[in-house]
Amino acid sequence: MTSSPDDLALLPAADDLMAAIGDWLRALANERAMSAKTVEAYGRDVRQFLIWLARDLGEAVDLAALAQLKPADLRAFLAYRREQGVESRSLMRQIAGLRSLARFLERSGRGQASAFAAIRPPKVKKGLPRPINAGAARQLCDVDLRAGEEREPWILARDAAVLGLLYGAGLRISEALSITTRDAPRAGVDSLRIVGKGGKERIVPLLPAVARLIDAYVAQCPYQPKPDEPMFRGAKGGPLSPRIVQLAMERLRGALGLPETATPHALRHSFATHLLGKGGDLRAIQELLGHSSLSTTQVYTKVDAARLLDAYRAAHPRA
């Protein structure tokens, strides 16, 4: 444990609440199978709230204090967070974490905190995903595009393989970087097993062009990770960081004159949008992306409609 005031052990909370929070976080990780990062974020959000509440009450927070909260108390907390410059999306997650804790307290017989269910989360303006055009997306996976950089050839091959998986298989960057040596595609294999959010497994097709990129990286990589270790390695041999992929994308963005919205995740958007534009089935795309809800995938129909409308306005003489 560090000495940070956000540490669970240093919270201004009574023993009963401390024990409940510990049980809740373990339940999120074990029973709900949430990722470690999500559990950490929920815990951090609840800690921030309890620190604020303890200052407001002037004493340590216990289960009884949570049960006595009113919606007005939560609105005051949200206003406080707004003054700190926190955006609506982060506030939505914070409320989700507090509600999750309140539901856990009720289910485990430790009292009710009904104020959390009564508060309305802030509205978040939803923007449409911004895909990269197909030509540029293919160029991003071309090692020759970065031939002038003072980077070792195996690193250029590595970056091309990662970006190839994002665009060619629609993976999240965390999914691509978590592929182990054991699960790495081999010659002649046309599919890939991916463990996505919540530990859900799915099978995605592996295009021959992407398989060749991975083969080229594996052949040149100077490191030999163990079977259960990630196959993509950093310059010093450790697991590859998402930030390194983002930096590689920034360099490629400059070379191709792409906007700042051309991020690694935009390649996943491009995968879905381009499939849909070619007549891909929405349910099939949902499965390939690993979305738990079809409504999440349906946003790409709006992207495709917007692209068609832009093309109409640009080309039609009466537009």
Protein backbone atom coordinates (compact mmCIF):
# COMPACT_ATOMS: atom_id res chain seq x y z
CA MET A 1 0.00 0.00 0.00
CA THR A 2 1.16 3.52 -0.73
CA SER A 3 0.66 6.56 1.43
CA SER A 4 -1.80 8.15 -1.00
CA PRO A 5 -4.91 9.62 0.68
CA ASP A 6 -6.97 7.69 -1.84
CA ASP A 7 -5.84 4.37 -0.38
CA LEU A 8 -8.65 2.26 1.03
CA ALA A 9 -6.86 1.86 4.33
CA LEU A 10 -6.71 5.63 4.84
CA LEU A 11 -10.35 6.37 4.05
CA PRO A 12 -12.32 8.42 6.60
CA ALA A 13 -14.79 5.53 6.90
CA ALA A 14 -16.01 3.37 9.76
CA ASP A 15 -15.08 -0.28 10.02
CA ASP A 16 -18.49 -1.51 8.85
CA LEU A 17 -18.30 0.53 5.65
CA MET A 18 -14.66 -0.39 5.06
CA ALA A 19 -15.50 -4.08 5.25
CA ALA A 20 -18.47 -3.62 2.91
CA ILE A 21 -16.38 -1.80 0.31
CA GLY A 22 -13.73 -4.51 0.39
CA ASP A 23 -16.38 -7.21 -0.13
CA TRP A 24 -17.98 -5.19 -2.94
CA LEU A 25 -14.72 -4.76 -4.85
CA ARG A 26 -13.96 -8.47 -4.55
CA ALA A 27 -17.46 -9.30 -5.81
CA LEU A 28 -16.95 -7.03 -8.84
CA ALA A 29 -13.73 -8.82 -9.73
CA ASN A 30 -14.81 -12.40 -8.98
CA GLU A 31 -18.59 -12.64 -9.44
CA ARG A 32 -19.10 -9.93 -12.05
CA ALA A 33 -15.77 -10.72 -13.79
CA MET A 34 -15.01 -7.04 -14.29
CA SER A 35 -11.57 -6.11 -15.54
CA ALA A 36 -8.95 -5.00 -13.02
CA LYS A 37 -8.98 -1.49 -14.49
CA THR A 38 -12.77 -1.17 -14.14
CA VAL A 39 -12.67 -2.37 -10.54
CA GLU A 40 -9.87 0.08 -9.80
CA ALA A 41 -11.84 2.94 -11.37
CA TYR A 42 -15.00 2.10 -9.39
CA GLY A 43 -13.02 1.91 -6.17
CA ARG A 44 -11.35 5.24 -6.89
CA ASP A 45 -14.69 6.90 -7.65
CA VAL A 46 -16.23 5.69 -4.39
CA ARG A 47 -13.16 6.81 -2.42
CA GLN A 48 -13.44 10.31 -3.89
CA PHE A 49 -17.09 10.49 -2.84
CA LEU A 50 -16.44 9.27 0.70
CA ILE A 51 -13.58 11.71 1.22
CA TRP A 52 -15.90 14.55 0.15
CA LEU A 53 -18.75 13.27 2.33
CA ALA A 54 -16.53 12.90 5.40
CA ARG A 55 -15.41 16.51 5.03
CA ASP A 56 -19.04 17.59 4.72
CA LEU A 57 -20.15 15.58 7.76
CA GLY A 58 -17.07 16.37 9.81
CA GLU A 59 -16.67 12.73 10.81
CA ALA A 60 -15.96 9.25 9.44
CA VAL A 61 -18.67 7.83 7.19
CA ASP A 62 -20.48 4.65 8.22
CA LEU A 63 -23.29 2.57 6.74
CA ALA A 64 -25.91 4.53 8.67
CA ALA A 65 -24.66 7.80 7.17
CA LEU A 66 -25.01 6.40 3.65
CA ALA A 67 -28.57 5.28 4.38
CA GLN A 68 -29.50 8.81 5.49
CA LEU A 69 -28.25 10.51 2.32
CA LYS A 70 -30.72 12.55 0.26
CA PRO A 71 -30.61 13.20 -3.51
CA ALA A 72 -29.70 16.80 -2.69
CA ASP A 73 -26.49 15.56 -1.05
CA LEU A 74 -25.50 13.75 -4.23
CA ARG A 75 -26.34 16.78 -6.37
CA ALA A 76 -24.02 18.83 -4.15
CA PHE A 77 -21.26 16.27 -4.74
CA LEU A 78 -21.78 16.38 -8.51
CA ALA A 79 -21.66 20.18 -8.42
CA TYR A 80 -18.39 19.96 -6.48
CA ARG A 81 -16.93 17.60 -9.08
CA ARG A 82 -18.11 19.90 -11.87
CA GLU A 83 -16.22 22.76 -10.25
CA GLN A 84 -13.10 20.57 -10.41
CA GLY A 85 -13.52 20.33 -14.18
CA VAL A 86 -14.76 16.72 -14.28
CA GLU A 87 -16.70 15.96 -17.46
CA SER A 88 -20.11 14.31 -17.75
CA ARG A 89 -18.78 10.97 -18.92
CA SER A 90 -16.58 10.61 -15.83
CA LEU A 91 -19.47 11.68 -13.60
CA MET A 92 -21.69 9.03 -15.19
CA ARG A 93 -19.14 6.36 -14.32
CA GLN A 94 -18.84 7.72 -10.79
CA ILE A 95 -22.60 7.48 -10.27
CA ALA A 96 -22.57 3.97 -11.75
CA GLY A 97 -19.96 2.95 -9.18
CA LEU A 98 -21.91 4.46 -6.28
CA ARG A 99 -25.11 2.78 -7.45
CA SER A 100 -23.29 -0.53 -7.73
CA LEU A 101 -22.10 -0.18 -4.14
CA ALA A 102 -25.62 0.73 -2.97
CA ARG A 103 -27.11 -2.34 -4.68
CA PHE A 104 -24.44 -4.53 -3.10
CA LEU A 105 -25.21 -3.16 0.37
CA GLU A 106 -28.90 -3.91 -0.11
CA ARG A 107 -28.31 -7.43 -1.47
CA SER A 108 -25.92 -8.28 1.37
CA GLY A 109 -28.36 -7.05 4.02
CA ARG A 110 -26.29 -4.07 5.12
CA GLY A 111 -28.93 -1.41 4.64
CA GLN A 112 -30.31 0.72 1.85
CA ALA A 113 -28.90 3.85 0.22
CA SER A 114 -31.88 4.80 -1.93
CA ALA A 115 -30.57 8.28 -2.75
CA PHE A 116 -28.16 6.79 -5.29
CA ALA A 117 -31.01 5.28 -7.30
CA ALA A 118 -32.98 8.53 -7.25
CA ILE A 119 -30.27 10.75 -8.71
CA ARG A 120 -30.25 11.31 -12.47
CA PRO A 121 -26.89 10.92 -14.19
CA PRO A 122 -25.68 13.87 -16.29
CA LYS A 123 -26.40 13.75 -19.99
CA VAL A 124 -23.51 12.95 -22.26
CA LYS A 125 -23.42 14.18 -25.81
CA LYS A 126 -22.76 11.12 -27.93
CA GLY A 127 -20.60 11.73 -30.95
CA LEU A 128 -20.43 9.30 -33.84
CA PRO A 129 -17.28 7.20 -34.28
CA ARG A 130 -14.92 8.67 -36.87
CA PRO A 131 -13.52 5.92 -39.08
CA ILE A 132 -10.45 6.21 -41.27
CA ASN A 133 -10.94 5.73 -45.00
CA ALA A 134 -10.05 2.28 -46.33
CA GLY A 135 -7.01 3.39 -48.32
CA ALA A 136 -5.39 5.18 -45.38
CA ALA A 137 -6.23 2.29 -43.03
CA ARG A 138 -4.36 -0.13 -45.29
CA GLN A 139 -1.39 2.23 -45.56
CA LEU A 140 -1.13 2.40 -41.77
CA CYS A 141 -0.24 -1.29 -41.79
CA ASP A 142 2.48 -0.83 -44.41
CA VAL A 143 5.99 -1.14 -42.94
CA ASP A 144 7.49 0.71 -45.92
CA LEU A 145 5.64 3.87 -44.90
CA ARG A 146 8.01 4.20 -41.91
CA ALA A 147 11.15 3.01 -43.66
CA GLY A 148 12.85 6.38 -43.12
CA GLU A 149 12.50 6.28 -39.34
CA GLU A 150 15.48 5.45 -37.17
CA ARG A 151 13.73 2.44 -35.68
CA GLU A 152 14.77 -1.18 -35.71
CA PRO A 153 13.05 -3.23 -38.44
CA TRP A 154 11.46 -5.60 -35.93
CA ILE A 155 9.80 -2.67 -34.14
CA LEU A 156 8.33 -1.39 -37.40
CA ALA A 157 7.10 -4.91 -38.13
CA ARG A 158 5.60 -5.13 -34.64
CA ASP A 159 3.67 -1.87 -34.98
CA ALA A 160 2.35 -2.89 -38.40
CA ALA A 161 1.16 -6.23 -36.97
CA VAL A 162 -0.66 -4.56 -34.06
CA LEU A 163 -2.36 -2.00 -36.31
CA GLY A 164 -3.20 -4.79 -38.73
CA LEU A 165 -5.07 -6.61 -35.97
CA LEU A 166 -6.99 -3.48 -35.00
CA TYR A 167 -8.16 -2.84 -38.55
CA GLY A 168 -8.19 -6.35 -40.00
CA ALA A 169 -9.86 -8.06 -37.03
CA GLY A 170 -11.58 -5.17 -35.26
CA LEU A 171 -9.75 -5.75 -31.97
CA ARG A 172 -9.52 -3.37 -29.07
CA ILE A 173 -5.91 -2.35 -28.44
CA SER A 174 -5.97 -4.15 -25.07
CA GLU A 175 -7.14 -7.33 -26.80
CA ALA A 176 -4.39 -7.20 -29.41
CA LEU A 177 -1.69 -6.61 -26.81
CA SER A 178 -2.95 -9.42 -24.57
CA ILE A 179 -2.55 -12.15 -27.22
CA THR A 180 -0.11 -14.64 -25.77
CA THR A 181 2.62 -16.54 -27.53
CA ARG A 182 0.56 -19.69 -27.08
CA ASP A 183 -2.46 -18.14 -28.85
CA ALA A 184 -0.43 -16.36 -31.53
CA PRO A 185 -1.64 -17.19 -35.06
CA ARG A 186 0.38 -19.77 -36.90
CA ALA A 187 0.83 -20.30 -40.64
CA GLY A 188 -2.38 -21.55 -42.21
CA VAL A 189 -4.59 -20.55 -39.23
CA ASP A 190 -7.57 -18.48 -40.37
CA SER A 191 -9.08 -17.52 -37.01
CA LEU A 192 -8.03 -16.09 -33.67
CA ARG A 193 -9.38 -16.65 -30.16
CA ILE A 194 -9.82 -13.38 -28.28
CA VAL A 195 -10.68 -12.77 -24.64
CA GLY A 196 -12.56 -9.48 -24.49
CA LYS A 197 -14.29 -7.40 -21.83
CA GLY A 198 -15.63 -9.33 -18.89
CA GLY A 199 -13.54 -12.35 -19.85
CA LYS A 200 -15.86 -13.15 -22.77
CA GLU A 201 -14.26 -15.23 -25.50
CA ARG A 202 -14.94 -14.87 -29.20
CA ILE A 203 -13.46 -16.16 -32.43
CA VAL A 204 -12.52 -13.63 -35.11
CA PRO A 205 -11.40 -14.38 -38.67
CA LEU A 206 -7.74 -13.76 -39.42
CA LEU A 207 -7.08 -12.33 -42.87
CA PRO A 208 -4.04 -13.72 -44.71
CA ALA A 209 -2.59 -10.19 -44.99
CA VAL A 210 -2.76 -9.76 -41.20
CA ALA A 211 -1.29 -13.23 -40.64
CA ARG A 212 1.67 -12.26 -42.83
CA LEU A 213 2.25 -9.13 -40.75
CA ILE A 214 2.30 -11.21 -37.57
CA ASP A 215 4.63 -13.80 -39.13
CA ALA A 216 7.02 -11.03 -40.17
CA TYR A 217 7.05 -9.63 -36.62
CA VAL A 218 7.57 -13.02 -34.94
CA ALA A 219 10.41 -13.86 -37.33
CA GLN A 220 12.25 -10.60 -36.54
CA CYS A 221 11.49 -10.16 -32.82
CA PRO A 222 14.71 -10.62 -30.80
CA TYR A 223 12.78 -11.77 -27.72
CA GLN A 224 11.11 -15.12 -27.06
CA PRO A 225 8.24 -14.67 -24.58
CA LYS A 226 6.98 -17.65 -22.60
CA PRO A 227 3.80 -19.36 -23.88
CA ASP A 228 1.56 -17.54 -21.37
CA GLU A 229 3.16 -14.11 -21.92
CA PRO A 230 2.00 -11.46 -24.42
CA MET A 231 3.69 -11.96 -27.79
CA PHE A 232 4.03 -8.23 -28.52
CA ARG A 233 7.11 -6.88 -26.74
CA GLY A 234 8.52 -3.46 -26.08
CA ALA A 235 12.00 -2.31 -27.10
CA LYS A 236 13.50 -3.63 -23.84
CA GLY A 237 11.64 -6.94 -23.91
CA GLY A 238 8.72 -6.21 -21.60
CA PRO A 239 5.05 -6.36 -22.62
CA LEU A 240 4.20 -3.71 -25.21
CA SER A 241 2.46 -0.64 -23.77
CA PRO A 242 -0.65 0.82 -25.46
CA ARG A 243 1.04 4.22 -25.29
CA ILE A 244 3.80 3.02 -27.64
CA VAL A 245 1.16 2.02 -30.20
CA GLN A 246 -0.49 5.42 -29.82
CA LEU A 247 2.83 7.17 -30.44
CA ALA A 248 3.42 5.05 -33.56
CA MET A 249 -0.03 6.06 -34.76
CA GLU A 250 0.80 9.73 -34.20
CA ARG A 251 3.87 9.41 -36.45
CA LEU A 252 1.84 7.70 -39.15
CA ARG A 253 -0.86 10.32 -38.85
CA GLY A 254 1.68 12.97 -39.73
CA ALA A 255 3.04 10.99 -42.67
CA LEU A 256 -0.44 10.50 -44.15
CA GLY A 257 -1.89 13.87 -43.19
CA LEU A 258 -4.67 12.31 -41.11
CA PRO A 259 -6.65 14.19 -38.44
CA GLU A 260 -6.17 13.75 -34.68
CA THR A 261 -9.24 11.52 -34.62
CA ALA A 262 -7.17 8.86 -36.42
CA THR A 263 -6.28 6.91 -33.28
CA PRO A 264 -5.64 3.18 -32.83
CA HIS A 265 -9.25 2.76 -31.68
CA ALA A 266 -10.44 4.50 -34.85
CA LEU A 267 -9.11 1.47 -36.75
CA ARG A 268 -11.64 -0.68 -34.89
CA HIS A 269 -14.35 1.81 -35.90
CA SER A 270 -13.08 1.58 -39.47
CA PHE A 271 -13.30 -2.21 -39.40
CA ALA A 272 -16.98 -2.09 -38.43
CA THR A 273 -17.94 0.78 -40.72
CA HIS A 274 -16.26 -0.68 -43.78
CA LEU A 275 -17.84 -4.09 -43.19
CA LEU A 276 -21.25 -2.48 -42.87
CA GLY A 277 -20.66 -0.42 -46.01
CA LYS A 278 -19.95 -3.64 -47.93
CA GLY A 279 -23.23 -5.19 -46.81
CA GLY A 280 -22.06 -6.90 -43.64
CA ASP A 281 -24.76 -8.25 -41.32
CA LEU A 282 -25.18 -6.15 -38.18
CA ARG A 283 -25.49 -9.19 -35.90
CA ALA A 284 -22.33 -10.71 -37.34
CA ILE A 285 -20.46 -7.43 -36.84
CA GLN A 286 -21.71 -7.34 -33.26
CA GLU A 287 -20.20 -10.77 -32.63
CA LEU A 288 -16.93 -9.87 -34.31
CA LEU A 289 -16.58 -6.74 -32.19
CA GLY A 290 -17.53 -8.53 -28.99
CA HIS A 291 -20.38 -6.11 -28.17
CA SER A 292 -22.78 -7.45 -25.54
CA SER A 293 -25.61 -5.29 -26.88
CA LEU A 294 -26.71 -4.78 -30.48
CA SER A 295 -27.52 -1.14 -29.70
CA THR A 296 -23.79 -0.51 -29.26
CA THR A 297 -23.12 -1.84 -32.75
CA GLN A 298 -26.04 0.04 -34.31
CA VAL A 299 -24.16 3.34 -33.98
CA TYR A 300 -22.21 2.28 -37.09
CA THR A 301 -25.38 2.37 -39.16
CA LYS A 302 -25.57 6.09 -38.37
CA VAL A 303 -21.93 6.52 -39.40
CA ASP A 304 -22.59 4.82 -42.72
CA ALA A 305 -25.72 6.89 -43.31
CA ALA A 306 -23.76 10.07 -42.55
CA ARG A 307 -21.07 9.08 -45.07
CA LEU A 308 -23.69 8.44 -47.75
CA LEU A 309 -25.27 11.82 -47.08
CA ASP A 310 -21.90 13.56 -47.33
CA ALA A 311 -21.25 11.84 -50.65
CA TYR A 312 -24.69 12.88 -51.90
CA ARG A 313 -24.14 16.51 -50.94
CA ALA A 314 -20.74 16.54 -52.61
CA ALA A 315 -21.80 14.89 -55.86
CA HIS A 316 -25.47 15.59 -56.53
CA PRO A 317 -26.06 18.69 -58.70
CA ARG A 318 -29.11 19.74 -56.67
CA ALA A 319 -27.65 19.03 -53.24
